[in-house]
Amino acid sequence: MQIGTRERIFLLLLIAIPVAAYFCVFEPRNRQIQDAREEIQQKRMKLKQLEDATMEIDDLGHEIERLSDAINLFEQKLPAQREVEVILKQIWELASRHQLTPKSVRTDKITPAVQYSELPISVKIIGDFDGYYSFLLDLEQLSRITKITKMVLKKLNTQEGQMEAEIVLSIFFEPQSHQAAVVGL
């Protein structure tokens, strides 16, 4: 029996169809199945971690209540926007109490956030380093949330122990729109 070109083409096509099906259909599908199995495995691991975490918490309701109380405590430390001047006055009085001379106090642009706003205040203070250290300790004890984001200390050559401090102090407060929403509840 003689195989002609027609039969050879048919035989090549017959072999090419399963090979093409493997590369075009089966191989991509196998990759999808493998990716799905890996994703399922990752989700099972996360589910296991969640189960372990919930087993550690005896009473979920009690834990939510405890965390809500902690949030309320921090919200109480956020002054209203109209109370920011009171905090500025407290900072000024703290500096005076520690024999520091506030050279300049200026506020920067308010940085808004979802539930609170941040007001950076640049303060330049001159005085004794020990007084400045006591000032920082008292500043930490204020009933409101404050954060020092920048501090530059320079030694003055005028007297021993004298220095100039430039600090950027951030005060956090509730914006008036958030307070109106809370009061409206």
N, C-alpha and C. Protein backbone atom coordinates (compact mmCIF):
# COMPACT_ATOMS: atom_id res chain seq x y z
N MET A 1 0.82 -1.16 0.00
CA MET A 1 0.00 0.00 0.00
C MET A 1 0.88 1.24 0.00
N GLN A 2 0.52 2.12 -0.83
CA GLN A 2 1.28 3.35 -0.98
C GLN A 2 0.56 4.49 -0.27
N ILE A 3 1.38 5.30 0.49
CA ILE A 3 0.80 6.44 1.20
C ILE A 3 1.10 7.68 0.37
N GLY A 4 0.05 8.34 -0.03
CA GLY A 4 0.19 9.54 -0.85
C GLY A 4 0.23 10.78 0.01
N THR A 5 0.34 11.90 -0.65
CA THR A 5 0.39 13.16 0.08
C THR A 5 -0.93 13.44 0.79
N ARG A 6 -1.99 13.03 0.20
CA ARG A 6 -3.29 13.22 0.82
C ARG A 6 -3.39 12.46 2.15
N GLU A 7 -2.92 11.24 2.18
CA GLU A 7 -2.96 10.45 3.39
C GLU A 7 -1.98 11.01 4.44
N ARG A 8 -0.85 11.49 3.98
CA ARG A 8 0.13 12.07 4.90
C ARG A 8 -0.44 13.32 5.58
N ILE A 9 -1.09 14.19 4.82
CA ILE A 9 -1.71 15.38 5.38
C ILE A 9 -2.77 14.99 6.39
N PHE A 10 -3.58 13.99 6.03
CA PHE A 10 -4.62 13.52 6.94
C PHE A 10 -4.00 12.97 8.23
N LEU A 11 -2.94 12.20 8.10
CA LEU A 11 -2.26 11.63 9.26
C LEU A 11 -1.65 12.74 10.13
N LEU A 12 -1.04 13.76 9.52
CA LEU A 12 -0.49 14.90 10.28
C LEU A 12 -1.59 15.67 11.01
N LEU A 13 -2.71 15.87 10.34
CA LEU A 13 -3.84 16.54 10.97
C LEU A 13 -4.38 15.72 12.13
N LEU A 14 -4.42 14.41 11.93
CA LEU A 14 -4.92 13.53 12.97
C LEU A 14 -4.02 13.58 14.22
N ILE A 15 -2.73 13.72 14.03
CA ILE A 15 -1.79 13.83 15.14
C ILE A 15 -1.80 15.25 15.72
N ALA A 16 -1.95 16.27 14.88
CA ALA A 16 -1.89 17.67 15.30
C ALA A 16 -3.09 18.07 16.16
N ILE A 17 -4.25 17.48 15.92
CA ILE A 17 -5.45 17.87 16.67
C ILE A 17 -5.29 17.57 18.16
N PRO A 18 -4.90 16.39 18.60
CA PRO A 18 -4.73 16.18 20.05
C PRO A 18 -3.60 17.02 20.65
N VAL A 19 -2.51 17.22 19.87
CA VAL A 19 -1.41 18.04 20.38
C VAL A 19 -1.88 19.48 20.58
N ALA A 20 -2.59 20.02 19.61
CA ALA A 20 -3.11 21.39 19.71
C ALA A 20 -4.12 21.47 20.85
N ALA A 21 -4.95 20.45 21.00
CA ALA A 21 -5.94 20.45 22.08
C ALA A 21 -5.23 20.46 23.44
N TYR A 22 -4.14 19.75 23.57
CA TYR A 22 -3.40 19.72 24.83
C TYR A 22 -2.88 21.13 25.17
N PHE A 23 -2.22 21.78 24.20
CA PHE A 23 -1.63 23.08 24.47
C PHE A 23 -2.66 24.21 24.55
N CYS A 24 -3.74 24.12 23.81
CA CYS A 24 -4.72 25.21 23.78
C CYS A 24 -5.86 25.03 24.79
N VAL A 25 -6.17 23.81 25.19
CA VAL A 25 -7.32 23.58 26.06
C VAL A 25 -6.89 22.99 27.40
N PHE A 26 -6.23 21.86 27.37
CA PHE A 26 -5.95 21.14 28.61
C PHE A 26 -4.90 21.83 29.49
N GLU A 27 -3.82 22.32 28.90
CA GLU A 27 -2.76 22.96 29.68
C GLU A 27 -3.26 24.23 30.40
N PRO A 28 -3.94 25.16 29.70
CA PRO A 28 -4.47 26.33 30.42
C PRO A 28 -5.48 25.94 31.50
N ARG A 29 -6.30 24.96 31.22
CA ARG A 29 -7.30 24.53 32.21
C ARG A 29 -6.61 23.91 33.43
N ASN A 30 -5.56 23.14 33.22
CA ASN A 30 -4.80 22.57 34.34
C ASN A 30 -4.17 23.67 35.21
N ARG A 31 -3.67 24.75 34.56
CA ARG A 31 -3.12 25.88 35.31
C ARG A 31 -4.21 26.56 36.14
N GLN A 32 -5.40 26.73 35.56
CA GLN A 32 -6.51 27.33 36.30
C GLN A 32 -6.90 26.47 37.50
N ILE A 33 -6.94 25.18 37.29
CA ILE A 33 -7.28 24.26 38.38
C ILE A 33 -6.23 24.33 39.48
N GLN A 34 -4.96 24.37 39.11
CA GLN A 34 -3.88 24.45 40.10
C GLN A 34 -3.96 25.77 40.86
N ASP A 35 -4.22 26.89 40.16
CA ASP A 35 -4.37 28.19 40.83
C ASP A 35 -5.55 28.16 41.80
N ALA A 36 -6.65 27.56 41.39
CA ALA A 36 -7.83 27.47 42.25
C ALA A 36 -7.51 26.64 43.49
N ARG A 37 -6.76 25.55 43.33
CA ARG A 37 -6.39 24.72 44.48
C ARG A 37 -5.50 25.50 45.45
N GLU A 38 -4.56 26.29 44.92
CA GLU A 38 -3.69 27.09 45.78
C GLU A 38 -4.50 28.15 46.52
N GLU A 39 -5.45 28.78 45.83
CA GLU A 39 -6.30 29.78 46.47
C GLU A 39 -7.15 29.15 47.57
N ILE A 40 -7.68 27.98 47.30
CA ILE A 40 -8.47 27.26 48.31
C ILE A 40 -7.60 26.94 49.52
N GLN A 41 -6.37 26.52 49.27
CA GLN A 41 -5.45 26.20 50.37
C GLN A 41 -5.15 27.44 51.20
N GLN A 42 -4.93 28.59 50.54
CA GLN A 42 -4.68 29.83 51.28
C GLN A 42 -5.89 30.22 52.12
N LYS A 43 -7.08 30.09 51.54
CA LYS A 43 -8.28 30.45 52.28
C LYS A 43 -8.51 29.51 53.46
N ARG A 44 -8.17 28.25 53.28
CA ARG A 44 -8.28 27.31 54.41
C ARG A 44 -7.33 27.69 55.53
N MET A 45 -6.10 28.13 55.16
CA MET A 45 -5.14 28.56 56.17
C MET A 45 -5.66 29.79 56.92
N LYS A 46 -6.24 30.76 56.19
CA LYS A 46 -6.79 31.95 56.83
C LYS A 46 -7.96 31.59 57.72
N LEU A 47 -8.79 30.67 57.27
CA LEU A 47 -9.92 30.22 58.07
C LEU A 47 -9.44 29.55 59.35
N LYS A 48 -8.37 28.77 59.23
CA LYS A 48 -7.80 28.11 60.41
C LYS A 48 -7.25 29.16 61.38
N GLN A 49 -6.58 30.19 60.86
CA GLN A 49 -6.07 31.26 61.72
C GLN A 49 -7.22 31.98 62.41
N LEU A 50 -8.30 32.24 61.68
CA LEU A 50 -9.47 32.90 62.27
C LEU A 50 -10.09 32.03 63.36
N GLU A 51 -10.19 30.73 63.11
CA GLU A 51 -10.72 29.83 64.12
C GLU A 51 -9.85 29.83 65.37
N ASP A 52 -8.52 29.81 65.17
CA ASP A 52 -7.61 29.85 66.31
C ASP A 52 -7.77 31.16 67.10
N ALA A 53 -7.91 32.27 66.36
CA ALA A 53 -8.06 33.57 67.03
C ALA A 53 -9.38 33.64 67.80
N THR A 54 -10.44 33.12 67.23
CA THR A 54 -11.73 33.19 67.92
C THR A 54 -11.77 32.22 69.10
N MET A 55 -11.00 31.15 69.05
CA MET A 55 -10.95 30.24 70.19
C MET A 55 -10.26 30.90 71.37
N GLU A 56 -9.30 31.82 71.09
CA GLU A 56 -8.59 32.51 72.16
C GLU A 56 -9.50 33.51 72.86
N ILE A 57 -10.48 34.04 72.15
CA ILE A 57 -11.41 35.00 72.74
C ILE A 57 -12.61 34.22 73.27
N ASP A 58 -12.72 34.19 74.60
CA ASP A 58 -13.80 33.42 75.23
C ASP A 58 -15.16 34.01 74.89
N ASP A 59 -15.31 35.30 75.13
CA ASP A 59 -16.59 35.94 74.93
C ASP A 59 -16.41 37.07 73.92
N LEU A 60 -16.86 36.86 72.70
CA LEU A 60 -16.66 37.82 71.63
C LEU A 60 -17.40 39.12 71.93
N GLY A 61 -18.60 39.03 72.51
CA GLY A 61 -19.36 40.23 72.86
C GLY A 61 -18.63 41.07 73.89
N HIS A 62 -18.04 40.40 74.89
CA HIS A 62 -17.28 41.10 75.92
C HIS A 62 -16.06 41.78 75.30
N GLU A 63 -15.40 41.11 74.37
CA GLU A 63 -14.22 41.68 73.72
C GLU A 63 -14.59 42.90 72.88
N ILE A 64 -15.71 42.84 72.18
CA ILE A 64 -16.16 43.99 71.39
C ILE A 64 -16.49 45.16 72.31
N GLU A 65 -17.11 44.88 73.42
CA GLU A 65 -17.45 45.93 74.40
C GLU A 65 -16.18 46.55 74.97
N ARG A 66 -15.18 45.73 75.26
CA ARG A 66 -13.91 46.23 75.80
C ARG A 66 -13.21 47.14 74.79
N LEU A 67 -13.22 46.73 73.52
CA LEU A 67 -12.59 47.54 72.48
C LEU A 67 -13.38 48.83 72.23
N SER A 68 -14.71 48.77 72.33
CA SER A 68 -15.52 49.98 72.19
C SER A 68 -15.22 50.96 73.31
N ASP A 69 -15.02 50.47 74.52
CA ASP A 69 -14.65 51.34 75.64
C ASP A 69 -13.30 52.00 75.40
N ALA A 70 -12.36 51.25 74.83
CA ALA A 70 -11.05 51.82 74.52
C ALA A 70 -11.17 52.91 73.46
N ILE A 71 -12.01 52.69 72.46
CA ILE A 71 -12.22 53.71 71.42
C ILE A 71 -12.85 54.95 72.03
N ASN A 72 -13.84 54.76 72.91
CA ASN A 72 -14.47 55.91 73.57
C ASN A 72 -13.48 56.69 74.41
N LEU A 73 -12.55 56.00 75.07
CA LEU A 73 -11.54 56.67 75.87
C LEU A 73 -10.67 57.58 74.99
N PHE A 74 -10.26 57.06 73.83
CA PHE A 74 -9.45 57.88 72.93
C PHE A 74 -10.25 59.02 72.34
N GLU A 75 -11.53 58.79 72.04
CA GLU A 75 -12.36 59.87 71.50
C GLU A 75 -12.56 60.97 72.52
N GLN A 76 -12.59 60.63 73.82
CA GLN A 76 -12.71 61.64 74.85
C GLN A 76 -11.47 62.51 74.92
N LYS A 77 -10.35 61.96 74.50
CA LYS A 77 -9.11 62.73 74.51
C LYS A 77 -8.99 63.64 73.29
N LEU A 78 -9.94 63.52 72.34
CA LEU A 78 -9.94 64.40 71.18
C LEU A 78 -10.78 65.64 71.51
N PRO A 79 -10.18 66.80 71.55
CA PRO A 79 -10.97 67.98 71.85
C PRO A 79 -11.81 68.38 70.63
N ALA A 80 -12.79 69.20 70.87
CA ALA A 80 -13.55 69.77 69.76
C ALA A 80 -12.67 70.82 69.10
N GLN A 81 -13.01 71.17 67.89
CA GLN A 81 -12.20 72.14 67.15
C GLN A 81 -12.15 73.47 67.90
N ARG A 82 -13.25 73.84 68.55
CA ARG A 82 -13.27 75.12 69.27
C ARG A 82 -12.41 75.08 70.52
N GLU A 83 -12.01 73.90 71.00
CA GLU A 83 -11.19 73.77 72.20
C GLU A 83 -9.69 73.78 71.90
N VAL A 84 -9.32 73.92 70.64
CA VAL A 84 -7.90 73.90 70.27
C VAL A 84 -7.17 75.08 70.90
N GLU A 85 -7.84 76.22 71.01
CA GLU A 85 -7.21 77.39 71.63
C GLU A 85 -6.88 77.11 73.09
N VAL A 86 -7.73 76.35 73.77
CA VAL A 86 -7.49 75.99 75.17
C VAL A 86 -6.19 75.19 75.28
N ILE A 87 -6.00 74.27 74.35
CA ILE A 87 -4.78 73.45 74.38
C ILE A 87 -3.56 74.31 74.07
N LEU A 88 -3.69 75.24 73.14
CA LEU A 88 -2.58 76.16 72.85
C LEU A 88 -2.22 76.97 74.10
N LYS A 89 -3.24 77.40 74.83
CA LYS A 89 -3.01 78.14 76.07
C LYS A 89 -2.30 77.25 77.10
N GLN A 90 -2.71 75.98 77.19
CA GLN A 90 -2.07 75.05 78.12
C GLN A 90 -0.59 74.88 77.78
N ILE A 91 -0.28 74.77 76.50
CA ILE A 91 1.12 74.61 76.07
C ILE A 91 1.91 75.87 76.44
N TRP A 92 1.32 77.04 76.20
CA TRP A 92 1.99 78.30 76.54
C TRP A 92 2.24 78.39 78.05
N GLU A 93 1.24 78.00 78.85
CA GLU A 93 1.39 78.05 80.31
C GLU A 93 2.43 77.05 80.80
N LEU A 94 2.47 75.85 80.16
CA LEU A 94 3.50 74.87 80.53
C LEU A 94 4.89 75.43 80.29
N ALA A 95 5.07 76.08 79.15
CA ALA A 95 6.38 76.67 78.84
C ALA A 95 6.74 77.73 79.86
N SER A 96 5.78 78.58 80.22
CA SER A 96 6.06 79.64 81.21
C SER A 96 6.37 79.05 82.58
N ARG A 97 5.66 77.98 82.97
CA ARG A 97 5.87 77.35 84.27
C ARG A 97 7.29 76.79 84.39
N HIS A 98 7.88 76.39 83.29
CA HIS A 98 9.23 75.81 83.31
C HIS A 98 10.30 76.83 82.90
N GLN A 99 9.97 78.12 83.06
CA GLN A 99 10.88 79.23 82.76
C GLN A 99 11.42 79.16 81.32
N LEU A 100 10.55 78.80 80.40
CA LEU A 100 10.91 78.80 78.98
C LEU A 100 10.24 79.99 78.32
N THR A 101 10.90 80.53 77.32
CA THR A 101 10.35 81.68 76.61
C THR A 101 9.87 81.21 75.23
N PRO A 102 8.56 81.17 75.02
CA PRO A 102 8.07 80.83 73.69
C PRO A 102 8.35 81.99 72.74
N LYS A 103 9.16 81.73 71.75
CA LYS A 103 9.55 82.77 70.81
C LYS A 103 8.48 82.94 69.73
N SER A 104 7.94 81.82 69.26
CA SER A 104 6.87 81.89 68.27
C SER A 104 6.03 80.62 68.35
N VAL A 105 4.74 80.82 68.09
CA VAL A 105 3.80 79.70 68.01
C VAL A 105 2.94 79.98 66.79
N ARG A 106 2.96 79.07 65.83
CA ARG A 106 2.12 79.26 64.65
C ARG A 106 1.53 77.93 64.24
N THR A 107 0.31 77.98 63.79
CA THR A 107 -0.38 76.77 63.35
C THR A 107 -0.19 76.61 61.85
N ASP A 108 -0.14 75.37 61.43
CA ASP A 108 -0.05 75.06 60.02
C ASP A 108 -1.44 74.68 59.53
N LYS A 109 -1.48 74.15 58.33
CA LYS A 109 -2.75 73.78 57.71
C LYS A 109 -3.33 72.53 58.38
N ILE A 110 -4.63 72.53 58.63
CA ILE A 110 -5.31 71.39 59.24
C ILE A 110 -5.32 70.23 58.26
N THR A 111 -4.96 69.04 58.75
CA THR A 111 -4.99 67.83 57.94
C THR A 111 -6.24 67.06 58.30
N PRO A 112 -7.24 67.03 57.39
CA PRO A 112 -8.49 66.34 57.74
C PRO A 112 -8.35 64.83 57.58
N ALA A 113 -9.11 64.11 58.36
CA ALA A 113 -9.21 62.65 58.26
C ALA A 113 -10.69 62.29 58.42
N VAL A 114 -11.00 61.01 58.40
CA VAL A 114 -12.39 60.58 58.44
C VAL A 114 -13.05 60.96 59.77
N GLN A 115 -12.46 60.59 60.89
CA GLN A 115 -13.10 60.81 62.18
C GLN A 115 -12.40 61.86 63.03
N TYR A 116 -11.26 62.35 62.61
CA TYR A 116 -10.54 63.35 63.37
C TYR A 116 -9.74 64.21 62.41
N SER A 117 -9.27 65.33 62.91
CA SER A 117 -8.39 66.19 62.12
C SER A 117 -7.12 66.42 62.93
N GLU A 118 -6.08 66.77 62.22
CA GLU A 118 -4.78 66.98 62.86
C GLU A 118 -4.34 68.41 62.57
N LEU A 119 -3.95 69.12 63.61
CA LEU A 119 -3.48 70.49 63.48
C LEU A 119 -2.02 70.55 63.91
N PRO A 120 -1.09 70.69 62.96
CA PRO A 120 0.32 70.84 63.32
C PRO A 120 0.59 72.26 63.83
N ILE A 121 1.33 72.35 64.90
CA ILE A 121 1.68 73.64 65.49
C ILE A 121 3.20 73.70 65.60
N SER A 122 3.78 74.74 65.01
CA SER A 122 5.22 74.96 65.10
C SER A 122 5.49 75.87 66.28
N VAL A 123 6.34 75.42 67.18
CA VAL A 123 6.65 76.17 68.40
C VAL A 123 8.17 76.34 68.48
N LYS A 124 8.60 77.57 68.75
CA LYS A 124 10.02 77.84 68.96
C LYS A 124 10.16 78.32 70.40
N ILE A 125 10.98 77.61 71.18
CA ILE A 125 11.13 77.88 72.61
C ILE A 125 12.60 78.09 72.93
N ILE A 126 12.87 79.06 73.81
CA ILE A 126 14.24 79.31 74.27
C ILE A 126 14.24 79.17 75.79
N GLY A 127 15.29 78.53 76.31
CA GLY A 127 15.39 78.41 77.76
C GLY A 127 16.39 77.35 78.16
N ASP A 128 16.31 76.98 79.42
CA ASP A 128 17.21 76.00 80.01
C ASP A 128 16.80 74.59 79.56
N PHE A 129 17.77 73.74 79.31
CA PHE A 129 17.46 72.39 78.84
C PHE A 129 16.69 71.60 79.88
N ASP A 130 17.03 71.72 81.14
CA ASP A 130 16.31 71.00 82.19
C ASP A 130 14.83 71.41 82.22
N GLY A 131 14.58 72.70 82.07
CA GLY A 131 13.20 73.18 82.00
C GLY A 131 12.48 72.64 80.78
N TYR A 132 13.22 72.55 79.68
CA TYR A 132 12.63 72.02 78.45
C TYR A 132 12.27 70.55 78.63
N TYR A 133 13.15 69.81 79.27
CA TYR A 133 12.88 68.40 79.52
C TYR A 133 11.64 68.23 80.41
N SER A 134 11.53 69.05 81.44
CA SER A 134 10.34 69.01 82.31
C SER A 134 9.09 69.41 81.54
N PHE A 135 9.25 70.38 80.63
CA PHE A 135 8.13 70.80 79.78
C PHE A 135 7.63 69.63 78.93
N LEU A 136 8.54 68.86 78.37
CA LEU A 136 8.15 67.70 77.56
C LEU A 136 7.45 66.64 78.40
N LEU A 137 7.93 66.43 79.62
CA LEU A 137 7.28 65.46 80.50
C LEU A 137 5.85 65.89 80.84
N ASP A 138 5.66 67.18 81.12
CA ASP A 138 4.32 67.68 81.42
C ASP A 138 3.44 67.68 80.18
N LEU A 139 4.04 67.93 79.05
CA LEU A 139 3.28 67.90 77.78
C LEU A 139 2.74 66.50 77.53
N GLU A 140 3.52 65.53 77.90
CA GLU A 140 3.10 64.13 77.74
C GLU A 140 1.92 63.80 78.65
N GLN A 141 1.82 64.49 79.78
CA GLN A 141 0.77 64.21 80.75
C GLN A 141 -0.54 64.96 80.46
N LEU A 142 -0.59 65.76 79.39
CA LEU A 142 -1.83 66.46 79.06
C LEU A 142 -2.94 65.46 78.82
N SER A 143 -4.15 65.87 79.09
CA SER A 143 -5.30 64.96 78.96
C SER A 143 -5.71 64.76 77.51
N ARG A 144 -5.11 65.47 76.59
CA ARG A 144 -5.46 65.36 75.17
C ARG A 144 -4.34 64.64 74.41
N ILE A 145 -4.71 64.10 73.27
CA ILE A 145 -3.74 63.38 72.45
C ILE A 145 -2.90 64.40 71.68
N THR A 146 -1.60 64.34 71.87
CA THR A 146 -0.66 65.18 71.14
C THR A 146 0.50 64.32 70.67
N LYS A 147 1.15 64.78 69.62
CA LYS A 147 2.27 64.03 69.07
C LYS A 147 3.32 65.02 68.58
N ILE A 148 4.56 64.79 68.95
CA ILE A 148 5.64 65.64 68.46
C ILE A 148 6.19 64.96 67.21
N THR A 149 6.04 65.64 66.07
CA THR A 149 6.46 65.04 64.81
C THR A 149 7.86 65.48 64.39
N LYS A 150 8.32 66.60 64.95
CA LYS A 150 9.65 67.08 64.59
C LYS A 150 10.22 67.86 65.77
N MET A 151 11.53 67.68 66.01
CA MET A 151 12.18 68.40 67.11
C MET A 151 13.62 68.70 66.70
N VAL A 152 13.96 69.97 66.78
CA VAL A 152 15.33 70.40 66.49
C VAL A 152 15.82 71.19 67.70
N LEU A 153 16.91 70.74 68.30
CA LEU A 153 17.50 71.42 69.46
C LEU A 153 18.82 72.06 69.05
N LYS A 154 19.00 73.31 69.49
CA LYS A 154 20.25 74.02 69.21
C LYS A 154 20.79 74.57 70.52
N LYS A 155 22.06 74.39 70.74
CA LYS A 155 22.70 74.93 71.94
C LYS A 155 23.02 76.39 71.69
N LEU A 156 22.66 77.24 72.66
CA LEU A 156 22.97 78.67 72.56
C LEU A 156 24.28 78.94 73.30
N ASN A 157 25.08 79.79 72.75
CA ASN A 157 26.38 80.10 73.34
C ASN A 157 26.29 81.20 74.40
N THR A 158 25.08 81.70 74.65
CA THR A 158 24.94 82.80 75.60
C THR A 158 25.23 82.37 77.03
N GLN A 159 24.72 81.23 77.46
CA GLN A 159 24.90 80.73 78.82
C GLN A 159 25.00 79.22 78.78
N GLU A 160 25.56 78.66 79.83
CA GLU A 160 25.66 77.20 79.93
C GLU A 160 24.26 76.61 80.13
N GLY A 161 23.91 75.59 79.36
CA GLY A 161 22.63 74.91 79.50
C GLY A 161 21.49 75.56 78.74
N GLN A 162 21.74 76.69 78.10
CA GLN A 162 20.69 77.37 77.34
C GLN A 162 20.57 76.75 75.95
N MET A 163 19.33 76.65 75.48
CA MET A 163 19.09 76.04 74.18
C MET A 163 17.86 76.65 73.54
N GLU A 164 17.76 76.39 72.25
CA GLU A 164 16.59 76.80 71.49
C GLU A 164 16.00 75.53 70.88
N ALA A 165 14.71 75.36 71.03
CA ALA A 165 14.04 74.16 70.49
C ALA A 165 12.98 74.59 69.50
N GLU A 166 12.99 73.92 68.37
CA GLU A 166 11.92 74.09 67.39
C GLU A 166 11.21 72.75 67.30
N ILE A 167 9.94 72.74 67.69
CA ILE A 167 9.17 71.50 67.63
C ILE A 167 7.91 71.71 66.80
N VAL A 168 7.50 70.63 66.17
CA VAL A 168 6.21 70.62 65.49
C VAL A 168 5.36 69.64 66.28
N LEU A 169 4.33 70.18 66.89
CA LEU A 169 3.45 69.44 67.77
C LEU A 169 2.11 69.27 67.05
N SER A 170 1.63 68.05 66.93
CA SER A 170 0.34 67.80 66.29
C SER A 170 -0.72 67.58 67.35
N ILE A 171 -1.81 68.31 67.21
CA ILE A 171 -2.96 68.17 68.10
C ILE A 171 -4.08 67.55 67.28
N PHE A 172 -4.70 66.55 67.83
CA PHE A 172 -5.80 65.88 67.14
C PHE A 172 -7.11 66.36 67.74
N PHE A 173 -8.11 66.59 66.88
CA PHE A 173 -9.40 67.05 67.37
C PHE A 173 -10.51 66.54 66.46
N GLU A 174 -11.72 66.59 66.99
CA GLU A 174 -12.88 66.19 66.21
C GLU A 174 -13.34 67.37 65.38
N PRO A 175 -13.52 67.17 64.06
CA PRO A 175 -14.04 68.28 63.27
C PRO A 175 -15.50 68.57 63.65
N GLN A 176 -15.95 69.78 63.41
CA GLN A 176 -17.30 70.17 63.81
C GLN A 176 -18.35 69.36 63.07
N SER A 177 -18.11 68.97 61.82
CA SER A 177 -19.09 68.17 61.08
C SER A 177 -19.28 66.80 61.73
N HIS A 178 -18.19 66.21 62.28
CA HIS A 178 -18.30 64.92 62.95
C HIS A 178 -19.06 65.06 64.26
N GLN A 179 -18.86 66.16 64.97
CA GLN A 179 -19.57 66.38 66.23
C GLN A 179 -21.06 66.56 65.97
N ALA A 180 -21.41 67.26 64.90
CA ALA A 180 -22.83 67.45 64.58
C ALA A 180 -23.48 66.12 64.23
N ALA A 181 -22.74 65.26 63.57
CA ALA A 181 -23.29 63.93 63.23
C ALA A 181 -23.50 63.10 64.49
N VAL A 182 -22.57 63.19 65.46
CA VAL A 182 -22.70 62.44 66.70
C VAL A 182 -23.86 62.97 67.52
N VAL A 183 -24.00 64.30 67.60
CA VAL A 183 -25.07 64.89 68.36
C VAL A 183 -26.42 64.58 67.73
N GLY A 184 -26.46 64.51 66.39
CA GLY A 184 -27.70 64.24 65.68
C GLY A 184 -28.19 62.81 65.83
N LEU A 185 -27.37 61.91 66.36
CA LEU A 185 -27.77 60.50 66.50
C LEU A 185 -28.82 60.30 67.52
